[in-house]
């Protein structure tokens, strides 16, 4: 328990330090859903704090590398999209829109983010597979592919959830709660601490996670999920993630939350009225 608390403290302190360091940095102000001006600083703060503390608690060099690659890689390309994604030359709607822009000769920040998150997830999954010898070539390839799907899928899902202050962090806490009691607790304690460190600023609408924070937080939880499951478990997780992602194209998560009393109350907890 003391080690778990130490990792959570490390994550929180690192995230708060980065958040303070970015205070007042120009070019990070954005408008949130309410029309208020907030800073993008919570994104890199969460990405760095969560990645460093997850690596510290990973328990092995391959798992530590997977945490750093997934968290910092996803956070970096997410931050790039946060910063330049609003420019006219980068605007496109959905994956098809980004591919359409590519056919026109434009490489959008969204496409860079998609490719970057996928590459980081693949590298992280390969590092995790290095600690699971004896599966054979086909088994290893399948294991890496499924793990990459889980990590990138979780990163994308949390990005889809990050439409209201605190929502992605609360969802992450629900996902991480059972993991914190298992053998992957070292991988999730730090990210939970980092998330708690930026939560007051997120709920208070002083800073927002953006793609940097949501992608990194989701990717790190994906690493923890992939680390504790075998091929069958990863396949089940990937199917669930794919289903939720497909559903998001047809159904608004915000509307579902608003129509469900328990989810509505949890979603609004701590948020400004």
Protein backbone atom coordinates (compact mmCIF):
# COMPACT_ATOMS: atom_id res chain seq x y z
CA UNK A 1 0.00 0.00 0.00
CA UNK A 2 2.82 2.43 0.83
CA UNK A 3 4.38 1.86 -2.61
CA UNK A 4 1.03 2.49 -4.29
CA UNK A 5 0.62 5.72 -2.34
CA UNK A 6 4.17 6.76 -3.20
CA UNK A 7 3.53 6.21 -6.91
CA UNK A 8 0.26 8.16 -6.75
CA UNK A 9 2.07 10.98 -4.97
CA UNK A 10 4.83 10.98 -7.58
CA UNK A 11 2.25 11.20 -10.37
CA UNK A 12 0.35 14.01 -8.68
CA UNK A 13 3.43 16.06 -7.79
CA UNK A 14 4.93 15.70 -11.28
CA UNK A 15 1.67 16.68 -12.95
CA UNK A 16 1.25 19.71 -10.67
CA UNK A 17 4.84 20.79 -11.31
CA UNK A 18 4.36 20.67 -15.09
CA UNK A 19 1.04 22.48 -14.77
CA UNK A 20 2.72 25.29 -12.82
CA UNK A 21 5.61 25.45 -15.27
CA UNK A 22 3.20 25.92 -18.18
CA UNK A 23 1.13 28.59 -16.43
CA UNK A 24 1.15 31.73 -18.53
CA UNK A 25 2.81 30.11 -21.56
CA UNK A 26 1.47 31.77 -24.67
CA UNK A 27 -0.56 29.97 -27.31
CA UNK A 28 -2.20 27.47 -24.96
CA UNK A 29 -5.54 29.21 -24.42
CA UNK A 30 -8.63 27.63 -25.95
CA UNK A 31 -12.42 28.00 -25.64
CA UNK A 32 -14.28 25.18 -23.87
CA UNK A 33 -17.84 23.91 -24.35
CA UNK A 34 -19.23 26.76 -22.23
CA UNK A 35 -17.38 29.44 -24.17
CA UNK A 36 -14.87 30.10 -21.39
CA UNK A 37 -11.15 30.52 -22.01
CA UNK A 38 -9.10 27.68 -20.52
CA UNK A 39 -5.51 26.49 -20.87
CA UNK A 40 -4.33 23.34 -22.63
CA UNK A 41 -1.69 22.93 -19.91
CA UNK A 42 -3.50 20.09 -18.12
CA UNK A 43 -2.88 17.82 -21.11
CA UNK A 44 0.92 17.71 -21.10
CA UNK A 45 0.88 17.87 -17.29
CA UNK A 46 -1.20 14.70 -17.10
CA UNK A 47 0.72 12.98 -19.90
CA UNK A 48 4.12 13.56 -18.31
CA UNK A 49 3.08 12.94 -14.70
CA UNK A 50 1.17 9.77 -15.58
CA UNK A 51 3.85 8.35 -17.89
CA UNK A 52 6.78 8.92 -15.52
CA UNK A 53 4.97 7.49 -12.51
CA UNK A 54 3.61 4.52 -14.47
CA UNK A 55 7.13 3.68 -15.64
CA UNK A 56 8.36 3.95 -12.05
CA UNK A 57 5.78 1.42 -10.91
CA UNK A 58 5.92 -0.91 -13.92
CA UNK A 59 8.05 -3.58 -12.25
CA UNK A 60 10.14 -4.45 -15.30
CA UNK A 61 12.15 -2.64 -17.94
CA UNK A 62 9.89 -3.72 -20.87
CA UNK A 63 6.73 -2.63 -19.04
CA UNK A 64 8.36 0.67 -18.05
CA UNK A 65 9.33 1.26 -21.67
CA UNK A 66 5.79 0.43 -22.78
CA UNK A 67 4.36 3.00 -20.35
CA UNK A 68 6.75 5.73 -21.48
CA UNK A 69 6.25 5.05 -25.19
CA UNK A 70 2.46 4.82 -24.96
CA UNK A 71 1.94 7.74 -22.58
CA UNK A 72 4.47 10.22 -23.90
CA UNK A 73 4.00 9.23 -27.55
CA UNK A 74 0.21 9.54 -27.45
CA UNK A 75 0.45 12.70 -25.41
CA UNK A 76 2.92 14.33 -27.81
CA UNK A 77 0.89 13.77 -30.98
CA UNK A 78 -2.27 14.71 -29.10
CA UNK A 79 -0.67 17.97 -28.00
CA UNK A 80 0.40 18.67 -31.57
CA UNK A 81 -3.22 18.27 -32.67
CA UNK A 82 -4.40 20.47 -29.78
CA UNK A 83 -2.05 23.27 -30.77
CA UNK A 84 -2.39 23.32 -34.57
CA UNK A 85 -5.61 21.39 -35.20
CA UNK A 86 -7.73 24.53 -35.35
CA UNK A 87 -5.86 25.96 -38.32
CA UNK A 88 -7.78 25.84 -41.62
CA UNK A 89 -5.27 23.58 -43.37
CA UNK A 90 -5.64 20.95 -40.66
CA UNK A 91 -9.43 20.86 -40.44
CA UNK A 92 -11.16 17.60 -41.39
CA UNK A 93 -14.04 15.62 -39.94
CA UNK A 94 -13.49 12.02 -38.92
CA UNK A 95 -11.03 9.46 -40.23
CA UNK A 96 -12.51 9.65 -43.74
CA UNK A 97 -12.05 13.39 -43.72
CA UNK A 98 -8.38 13.07 -42.80
CA UNK A 99 -7.84 10.51 -45.56
CA UNK A 100 -9.62 12.79 -48.00
CA UNK A 101 -7.31 15.63 -47.02
CA UNK A 102 -4.33 13.34 -47.59
CA UNK A 103 -5.54 12.59 -51.11
CA UNK A 104 -5.60 16.35 -51.66
CA UNK A 105 -1.99 16.55 -50.54
CA UNK A 106 -2.69 17.81 -47.01
CA UNK A 107 -1.36 16.00 -43.95
CA UNK A 108 -3.69 17.07 -41.15
CA UNK A 109 -2.73 17.13 -37.49
CA UNK A 110 -5.54 14.67 -36.87
CA UNK A 111 -3.96 12.16 -39.23
CA UNK A 112 -0.59 12.69 -37.53
CA UNK A 113 -2.30 11.98 -34.21
CA UNK A 114 -3.99 8.81 -35.47
CA UNK A 115 -0.73 7.49 -36.94
CA UNK A 116 1.28 8.54 -33.90
CA UNK A 117 -1.05 6.92 -31.37
CA UNK A 118 -1.13 3.74 -33.44
CA UNK A 119 2.66 3.61 -33.74
CA UNK A 120 3.13 4.27 -30.01
CA UNK A 121 0.59 1.56 -29.18
CA UNK A 122 2.32 -0.95 -31.46
CA UNK A 123 5.72 -0.21 -29.94
CA UNK A 124 4.34 -0.43 -26.40
CA UNK A 125 2.62 -3.73 -27.13
CA UNK A 126 5.83 -5.13 -28.63
CA UNK A 127 7.70 -4.17 -25.45
CA UNK A 128 5.09 -5.94 -23.32
CA UNK A 129 5.40 -9.02 -25.53
CA UNK A 130 9.14 -9.09 -24.85
CA UNK A 131 8.35 -10.06 -21.27
CA UNK A 132 6.19 -12.99 -22.46
CA UNK A 133 8.59 -15.38 -24.22
CA UNK A 134 7.71 -18.81 -25.51
CA UNK A 135 4.57 -17.97 -27.49
CA UNK A 136 6.01 -18.72 -30.91
CA UNK A 137 6.13 -16.37 -33.88
CA UNK A 138 2.41 -16.46 -34.70
CA UNK A 139 1.40 -16.17 -31.06
CA UNK A 140 3.71 -13.21 -30.54
CA UNK A 141 2.43 -11.40 -33.64
CA UNK A 142 -1.18 -11.95 -32.58
CA UNK A 143 -0.38 -10.87 -29.03
CA UNK A 144 1.30 -7.66 -30.23
CA UNK A 145 -1.51 -6.83 -32.65
CA UNK A 146 -4.22 -7.34 -30.04
CA UNK A 147 -2.29 -5.37 -27.44
CA UNK A 148 -1.76 -2.49 -29.85
CA UNK A 149 -5.47 -2.48 -30.61
CA UNK A 150 -6.34 -2.31 -26.91
CA UNK A 151 -3.87 0.50 -26.20
CA UNK A 152 -4.81 2.65 -29.19
CA UNK A 153 -8.51 1.88 -28.76
CA UNK A 154 -8.48 2.95 -25.12
CA UNK A 155 -6.60 6.14 -26.02
CA UNK A 156 -9.21 6.95 -28.65
CA UNK A 157 -12.15 6.14 -26.37
CA UNK A 158 -10.94 8.49 -23.65
CA UNK A 159 -10.49 11.18 -26.25
CA UNK A 160 -14.13 10.69 -27.26
CA UNK A 161 -15.21 10.97 -23.62
CA UNK A 162 -13.31 14.19 -22.96
CA UNK A 163 -16.17 16.53 -23.90
CA UNK A 164 -16.94 17.88 -20.43
CA UNK A 165 -14.70 18.85 -17.48
CA UNK A 166 -13.68 15.87 -15.37
CA UNK A 167 -15.47 13.26 -17.48
CA UNK A 168 -12.41 11.45 -18.84
CA UNK A 169 -10.71 11.39 -15.44
CA UNK A 170 -13.81 9.99 -13.72
CA UNK A 171 -14.14 7.31 -16.41
CA UNK A 172 -10.46 6.50 -15.96
CA UNK A 173 -10.92 6.09 -12.22
CA UNK A 174 -13.73 3.59 -12.83
CA UNK A 175 -11.56 1.59 -15.24
CA UNK A 176 -8.50 1.73 -13.00
CA UNK A 177 -10.26 0.78 -9.74
CA UNK A 178 -10.21 -3.00 -10.36
CA UNK A 179 -6.72 -2.77 -11.86
CA UNK A 180 -5.44 -1.05 -8.73
CA UNK A 181 -6.18 -4.18 -6.74
CA UNK A 182 -4.41 -6.56 -9.12
CA UNK A 183 -0.93 -7.18 -10.44
CA UNK A 184 -1.13 -4.12 -12.70
CA UNK A 185 -1.56 -1.73 -9.77
CA UNK A 186 1.96 -0.36 -10.22
CA UNK A 187 1.03 0.78 -13.73
CA UNK A 188 -2.17 2.57 -12.70
CA UNK A 189 -1.36 4.09 -9.29
CA UNK A 190 0.81 6.86 -10.74
CA UNK A 191 -1.58 7.80 -13.58
CA UNK A 192 -4.44 7.97 -11.09
CA UNK A 193 -2.37 10.27 -8.90
CA UNK A 194 -1.50 12.45 -11.90
CA UNK A 195 -5.16 12.61 -12.89
CA UNK A 196 -6.10 13.61 -9.35
CA UNK A 197 -3.43 16.31 -9.50
CA UNK A 198 -5.00 18.04 -12.53
CA UNK A 199 -8.65 17.26 -11.68
CA UNK A 200 -9.31 20.49 -9.71
CA UNK A 201 -8.13 22.60 -12.65
CA UNK A 202 -10.13 20.46 -15.08
CA UNK A 203 -13.35 20.68 -13.04
CA UNK A 204 -12.75 24.36 -12.29
CA UNK A 205 -12.40 25.07 -16.02
CA UNK A 206 -9.00 26.66 -15.58
CA UNK A 207 -7.33 24.03 -17.76
CA UNK A 208 -8.43 21.21 -20.02
CA UNK A 209 -7.01 17.80 -20.87
CA UNK A 210 -7.37 18.12 -24.61
CA UNK A 211 -6.17 15.31 -26.84
CA UNK A 212 -2.78 15.29 -25.10
CA UNK A 213 -4.16 14.40 -21.69
CA UNK A 214 -7.06 12.20 -22.76
CA UNK A 215 -5.01 10.16 -25.24
CA UNK A 216 -2.12 9.68 -22.82
CA UNK A 217 -4.37 8.72 -19.89
CA UNK A 218 -6.32 6.27 -22.03
CA UNK A 219 -3.18 4.77 -23.58
CA UNK A 220 -1.63 4.16 -20.16
CA UNK A 221 -4.76 2.45 -18.90
CA UNK A 222 -4.65 0.41 -22.10
CA UNK A 223 -1.09 -0.65 -21.28
CA UNK A 224 -2.25 -1.79 -17.84
CA UNK A 225 -5.16 -3.72 -19.36
CA UNK A 226 -2.93 -5.34 -21.99
CA UNK A 227 -0.31 -6.23 -19.38
CA UNK A 228 -2.74 -8.24 -17.29
CA UNK A 229 -4.61 -10.09 -20.06
CA UNK A 230 -3.78 -12.85 -22.48
CA UNK A 231 -4.89 -13.12 -26.12
CA UNK A 232 -8.49 -14.01 -25.26
CA UNK A 233 -8.82 -11.16 -22.80
CA UNK A 234 -7.24 -8.70 -25.21
CA UNK A 235 -9.56 -9.85 -28.00
CA UNK A 236 -12.60 -9.33 -25.74
CA UNK A 237 -11.39 -5.88 -24.72
CA UNK A 238 -10.71 -4.93 -28.33
CA UNK A 239 -14.20 -6.04 -29.36
CA UNK A 240 -15.72 -3.92 -26.61
CA UNK A 241 -13.64 -0.89 -27.55
CA UNK A 242 -14.51 -1.29 -31.22
CA UNK A 243 -18.21 -1.51 -30.32
CA UNK A 244 -18.08 1.66 -28.21
CA UNK A 245 -16.15 3.52 -30.89
CA UNK A 246 -18.65 2.47 -33.56
CA UNK A 247 -21.53 3.49 -31.28
CA UNK A 248 -20.00 6.95 -30.84
CA UNK A 249 -20.48 7.54 -34.56
CA UNK A 250 -24.25 7.11 -34.19
CA UNK A 251 -25.02 8.03 -30.58
CA UNK A 252 -23.90 11.02 -28.53
CA UNK A 253 -22.23 9.88 -25.30
CA UNK A 254 -23.22 13.20 -23.74
CA UNK A 255 -26.89 12.62 -24.52
CA UNK A 256 -26.76 9.08 -23.13
CA UNK A 257 -25.18 10.38 -19.92
CA UNK A 258 -27.78 13.14 -19.61
CA UNK A 259 -30.64 10.63 -19.99
CA UNK A 260 -29.22 8.24 -17.37
CA UNK A 261 -29.71 9.59 -13.81
CA UNK A 262 -26.75 7.81 -12.17
CA UNK A 263 -24.36 8.72 -14.96
CA UNK A 264 -25.69 12.28 -15.07
CA UNK A 265 -25.06 12.83 -11.36
CA UNK A 266 -21.60 11.28 -11.51
CA UNK A 267 -20.71 13.31 -14.58
CA UNK A 268 -21.77 16.58 -12.92
CA UNK A 269 -20.07 15.82 -9.59
CA UNK A 270 -17.64 18.61 -8.71
CA UNK A 271 -18.30 20.53 -11.91
CA UNK A 272 -19.25 24.20 -11.98
CA UNK A 273 -23.05 24.71 -12.31
